[in-house]
Amino acid sequence: MGLVGLSQRCLELMCARADERVAFGEKLIKKTSVQHEIARCRCDIEQARLLTLQAAHVMDTQGMKAAIPYISMVKIVAPNMAQQVADRAMQVFGGMGVCQDTLIPEVFTLARFSRIADGPDEVHMSQLAKLTIRS
C-alpha cells in the first residue's frame, strides 16, 4: 500500500476514534476543530491521489520525459500529505496515537523518511521550478 492508501487508512482510524472518544462531555466528532481536520485530511488525500493518477497517465500516454514534472510534484506532495494526515490522526488519538497500537506512527515515520529518501523536498522543488520556468 502506498502513501495515499496508508493516509486513507489513518483518516478512517481518525474518524472512528473521533466518533468513540468523549472529551469535555461530548464526542470529538462533534467538535468543529476535529471536523475541520477530518475535512482537510480528506481534501489532501484526494489531491495527492489525483496528482499521482495524473503522473501515471502522462507516463503511460506521453512517456517518462513528459511525466518528470508530475513525478516531482508527487514526490513533494504525497509524503507531505501523508505526514500531515498522520500528525492530525495522532492529535485525535492523543497518547494512543504515538504508540505502536495503531499504524499511525509507522505512517508518520514512513512519510518523513520518504521526504528525504529520494532527495529532500527542496531538490524536487528546485527541479520542478526549473522545468516550469523552461516551459
C-alpha atoms as a PDB file:
ATOM      1  CA  MET A   1       0.000   0.000   0.000  1.00  0.00           C
ATOM      2  CA  GLY A   2       1.352   3.414  -0.931  1.00  0.00           C
ATOM      3  CA  LEU A   3       1.322   6.668   0.997  1.00  0.00           C
ATOM      4  CA  VAL A   4      -2.111   7.630  -0.302  1.00  0.00           C
ATOM      5  CA  GLY A   5      -3.635   4.326   0.804  1.00  0.00           C
ATOM      6  CA  LEU A   6      -1.910   4.461   4.183  1.00  0.00           C
ATOM      7  CA  SER A   7      -3.129   8.020   4.654  1.00  0.00           C
ATOM      8  CA  GLN A   8      -6.657   6.933   3.817  1.00  0.00           C
ATOM      9  CA  ARG A   9      -6.375   4.246   6.488  1.00  0.00           C
ATOM     10  CA  CYS A  10      -5.160   6.866   9.020  1.00  0.00           C
ATOM     11  CA  LEU A  11      -8.183   9.005   8.151  1.00  0.00           C
ATOM     12  CA  GLU A  12     -10.520   6.055   8.702  1.00  0.00           C
ATOM     13  CA  LEU A  13      -8.925   5.369  12.085  1.00  0.00           C
ATOM     14  CA  MET A  14      -9.144   9.066  12.944  1.00  0.00           C
ATOM     15  CA  CYS A  15     -12.877   9.159  12.134  1.00  0.00           C
ATOM     16  CA  ALA A  16     -13.562   6.032  14.175  1.00  0.00           C
ATOM     17  CA  ARG A  17     -11.607   7.382  17.145  1.00  0.00           C
ATOM     18  CA  ALA A  18     -13.329  10.768  16.961  1.00  0.00           C
ATOM     19  CA  ASP A  19     -16.701   9.015  16.931  1.00  0.00           C
ATOM     20  CA  GLU A  20     -15.934   6.907  20.017  1.00  0.00           C
ATOM     21  CA  ARG A  21     -13.844   9.296  22.134  1.00  0.00           C
ATOM     22  CA  VAL A  22     -15.598  11.652  24.556  1.00  0.00           C
ATOM     23  CA  ALA A  23     -13.845  14.761  25.848  1.00  0.00           C
ATOM     24  CA  PHE A  24     -15.389  17.532  27.919  1.00  0.00           C
ATOM     25  CA  GLY A  25     -18.801  15.905  27.785  1.00  0.00           C
ATOM     26  CA  GLU A  26     -19.173  15.290  24.053  1.00  0.00           C
ATOM     27  CA  LYS A  27     -17.752  13.130  21.311  1.00  0.00           C
ATOM     28  CA  LEU A  28     -14.730  14.537  19.496  1.00  0.00           C
ATOM     29  CA  ILE A  29     -16.615  14.134  16.210  1.00  0.00           C
ATOM     30  CA  LYS A  30     -18.931  16.948  17.354  1.00  0.00           C
ATOM     31  CA  LYS A  31     -16.038  19.392  17.796  1.00  0.00           C
ATOM     32  CA  THR A  32     -15.727  21.795  14.878  1.00  0.00           C
ATOM     33  CA  SER A  33     -11.940  21.751  15.028  1.00  0.00           C
ATOM     34  CA  VAL A  34     -11.890  17.948  14.674  1.00  0.00           C
ATOM     35  CA  GLN A  35     -14.393  18.131  11.813  1.00  0.00           C
ATOM     36  CA  HIS A  36     -12.133  20.634  10.061  1.00  0.00           C
ATOM     37  CA  GLU A  37      -9.087  18.395  10.483  1.00  0.00           C
ATOM     38  CA  ILE A  38     -11.022  15.459   9.029  1.00  0.00           C
ATOM     39  CA  ALA A  39     -12.106  17.596   6.075  1.00  0.00           C
ATOM     40  CA  ARG A  40      -8.516  18.808   5.492  1.00  0.00           C
ATOM     41  CA  CYS A  41      -7.295  15.221   5.512  1.00  0.00           C
ATOM     42  CA  ARG A  42      -9.929  14.172   3.007  1.00  0.00           C
ATOM     43  CA  CYS A  43      -9.038  17.040   0.650  1.00  0.00           C
ATOM     44  CA  ASP A  44      -5.294  16.466   0.978  1.00  0.00           C
ATOM     45  CA  ILE A  45      -5.593  12.732   0.312  1.00  0.00           C
ATOM     46  CA  GLU A  46      -7.771  13.259  -2.745  1.00  0.00           C
ATOM     47  CA  GLN A  47      -5.440  15.918  -4.172  1.00  0.00           C
ATOM     48  CA  ALA A  48      -2.409  13.645  -3.777  1.00  0.00           C
ATOM     49  CA  ARG A  49      -4.316  10.695  -5.254  1.00  0.00           C
ATOM     50  CA  LEU A  50      -5.388  12.671  -8.309  1.00  0.00           C
ATOM     51  CA  LEU A  51      -1.893  14.077  -8.830  1.00  0.00           C
ATOM     52  CA  THR A  52      -0.474  10.553  -8.660  1.00  0.00           C
ATOM     53  CA  LEU A  53      -3.026   9.343 -11.208  1.00  0.00           C
ATOM     54  CA  GLN A  54      -2.162  12.271 -13.486  1.00  0.00           C
ATOM     55  CA  ALA A  55       1.550  11.417 -13.285  1.00  0.00           C
ATOM     56  CA  ALA A  56       0.774   7.794 -14.178  1.00  0.00           C
ATOM     57  CA  HIS A  57      -1.479   8.861 -17.046  1.00  0.00           C
ATOM     58  CA  VAL A  58       1.204  11.127 -18.527  1.00  0.00           C
ATOM     59  CA  MET A  59       3.803   8.348 -18.157  1.00  0.00           C
ATOM     60  CA  ASP A  60       1.507   5.928 -19.986  1.00  0.00           C
ATOM     61  CA  THR A  61       0.440   8.280 -22.767  1.00  0.00           C
ATOM     62  CA  GLN A  62       3.418  10.613 -23.297  1.00  0.00           C
ATOM     63  CA  GLY A  63       6.392   8.840 -21.769  1.00  0.00           C
ATOM     64  CA  MET A  64       8.688   9.349 -18.824  1.00  0.00           C
ATOM     65  CA  LYS A  65      10.239  12.593 -20.031  1.00  0.00           C
ATOM     66  CA  ALA A  66       6.860  14.320 -20.216  1.00  0.00           C
ATOM     67  CA  ALA A  67       5.951  12.981 -16.775  1.00  0.00           C
ATOM     68  CA  ILE A  68       9.041  14.339 -14.974  1.00  0.00           C
ATOM     69  CA  PRO A  69       7.280  17.479 -13.667  1.00  0.00           C
ATOM     70  CA  TYR A  70       4.375  15.396 -12.365  1.00  0.00           C
ATOM     71  CA  ILE A  71       6.720  12.912 -10.749  1.00  0.00           C
ATOM     72  CA  SER A  72       8.481  15.786  -8.984  1.00  0.00           C
ATOM     73  CA  MET A  73       5.117  17.115  -7.802  1.00  0.00           C
ATOM     74  CA  VAL A  74       4.134  13.709  -6.414  1.00  0.00           C
ATOM     75  CA  LYS A  75       7.485  13.382  -4.638  1.00  0.00           C
ATOM     76  CA  ILE A  76       6.787  16.720  -2.930  1.00  0.00           C
ATOM     77  CA  VAL A  77       3.062  16.438  -2.288  1.00  0.00           C
ATOM     78  CA  ALA A  78       2.440  12.790  -1.303  1.00  0.00           C
ATOM     79  CA  PRO A  79       4.950  12.447   1.560  1.00  0.00           C
ATOM     80  CA  ASN A  80       3.997  15.862   2.981  1.00  0.00           C
ATOM     81  CA  MET A  81       0.332  14.950   2.788  1.00  0.00           C
ATOM     82  CA  ALA A  82       0.899  11.590   4.479  1.00  0.00           C
ATOM     83  CA  GLN A  83       2.918  13.172   7.262  1.00  0.00           C
ATOM     84  CA  GLN A  84       0.247  15.824   7.876  1.00  0.00           C
ATOM     85  CA  VAL A  85      -2.601  13.297   7.852  1.00  0.00           C
ATOM     86  CA  ALA A  86      -0.736  11.046  10.287  1.00  0.00           C
ATOM     87  CA  ASP A  87       0.008  14.047  12.504  1.00  0.00           C
ATOM     88  CA  ARG A  88      -3.651  15.077  12.568  1.00  0.00           C
ATOM     89  CA  ALA A  89      -4.661  11.498  13.382  1.00  0.00           C
ATOM     90  CA  MET A  90      -2.125  11.466  16.235  1.00  0.00           C
ATOM     91  CA  GLN A  91      -3.760  14.585  17.658  1.00  0.00           C
ATOM     92  CA  VAL A  92      -7.192  12.981  17.645  1.00  0.00           C
ATOM     93  CA  PHE A  93      -5.840   9.778  19.208  1.00  0.00           C
ATOM     94  CA  GLY A  94      -3.841  11.580  21.876  1.00  0.00           C
ATOM     95  CA  GLY A  95      -1.249   9.400  23.604  1.00  0.00           C
ATOM     96  CA  MET A  96      -2.504   6.287  21.857  1.00  0.00           C
ATOM     97  CA  GLY A  97      -1.607   7.935  18.554  1.00  0.00           C
ATOM     98  CA  VAL A  98       2.118   7.714  19.233  1.00  0.00           C
ATOM     99  CA  CYS A  99       2.277   4.133  20.473  1.00  0.00           C
ATOM    100  CA  GLN A 100       2.506   1.049  18.300  1.00  0.00           C
ATOM    101  CA  ASP A 101      -1.137   0.074  18.884  1.00  0.00           C
ATOM    102  CA  THR A 102      -2.102   1.753  15.603  1.00  0.00           C
ATOM    103  CA  LEU A 103      -0.327   2.157  12.280  1.00  0.00           C
ATOM    104  CA  ILE A 104      -0.320   5.951  12.654  1.00  0.00           C
ATOM    105  CA  PRO A 105       3.256   6.358  13.990  1.00  0.00           C
ATOM    106  CA  GLU A 106       4.515   3.990  11.296  1.00  0.00           C
ATOM    107  CA  VAL A 107       2.834   6.072   8.581  1.00  0.00           C
ATOM    108  CA  PHE A 108       4.246   9.265  10.079  1.00  0.00           C
ATOM    109  CA  THR A 109       7.770   7.783  10.114  1.00  0.00           C
ATOM    110  CA  LEU A 110       7.472   6.366   6.592  1.00  0.00           C
ATOM    111  CA  ALA A 111       6.197   9.709   5.293  1.00  0.00           C
ATOM    112  CA  ARG A 112       9.033  11.596   6.960  1.00  0.00           C
ATOM    113  CA  PHE A 113      11.572   9.142   5.591  1.00  0.00           C
ATOM    114  CA  SER A 114      10.021   9.469   2.126  1.00  0.00           C
ATOM    115  CA  ARG A 115      10.597  13.219   2.249  1.00  0.00           C
ATOM    116  CA  ILE A 116      14.371  12.632   2.255  1.00  0.00           C
ATOM    117  CA  ALA A 117      14.894   9.152   0.730  1.00  0.00           C
ATOM    118  CA  ASP A 118      14.910  10.267  -2.907  1.00  0.00           C
ATOM    119  CA  GLY A 119      16.339  13.689  -2.137  1.00  0.00           C
ATOM    120  CA  PRO A 120      14.860  16.331   0.142  1.00  0.00           C
ATOM    121  CA  ASP A 121      11.762  18.291  -0.813  1.00  0.00           C
ATOM    122  CA  GLU A 122      13.936  21.268  -1.763  1.00  0.00           C
ATOM    123  CA  VAL A 123      15.691  19.255  -4.503  1.00  0.00           C
ATOM    124  CA  HIS A 124      12.387  18.269  -6.070  1.00  0.00           C
ATOM    125  CA  MET A 125      11.034  21.810  -5.746  1.00  0.00           C
ATOM    126  CA  SER A 126      14.134  23.255  -7.443  1.00  0.00           C
ATOM    127  CA  GLN A 127      13.872  20.745 -10.273  1.00  0.00           C
ATOM    128  CA  LEU A 128      10.163  21.444 -10.688  1.00  0.00           C
ATOM    129  CA  ALA A 129      10.744  25.195 -10.703  1.00  0.00           C
ATOM    130  CA  LYS A 130      13.476  24.897 -13.379  1.00  0.00           C
ATOM    131  CA  LEU A 131      11.230  22.691 -15.537  1.00  0.00           C
ATOM    132  CA  THR A 132       8.349  25.108 -15.085  1.00  0.00           C
ATOM    133  CA  ILE A 133      10.454  28.142 -15.983  1.00  0.00           C
ATOM    134  CA  ARG A 134      11.768  26.409 -19.130  1.00  0.00           C
ATOM    135  CA  SER A 135       8.280  25.574 -20.289  1.00  0.00           C
END
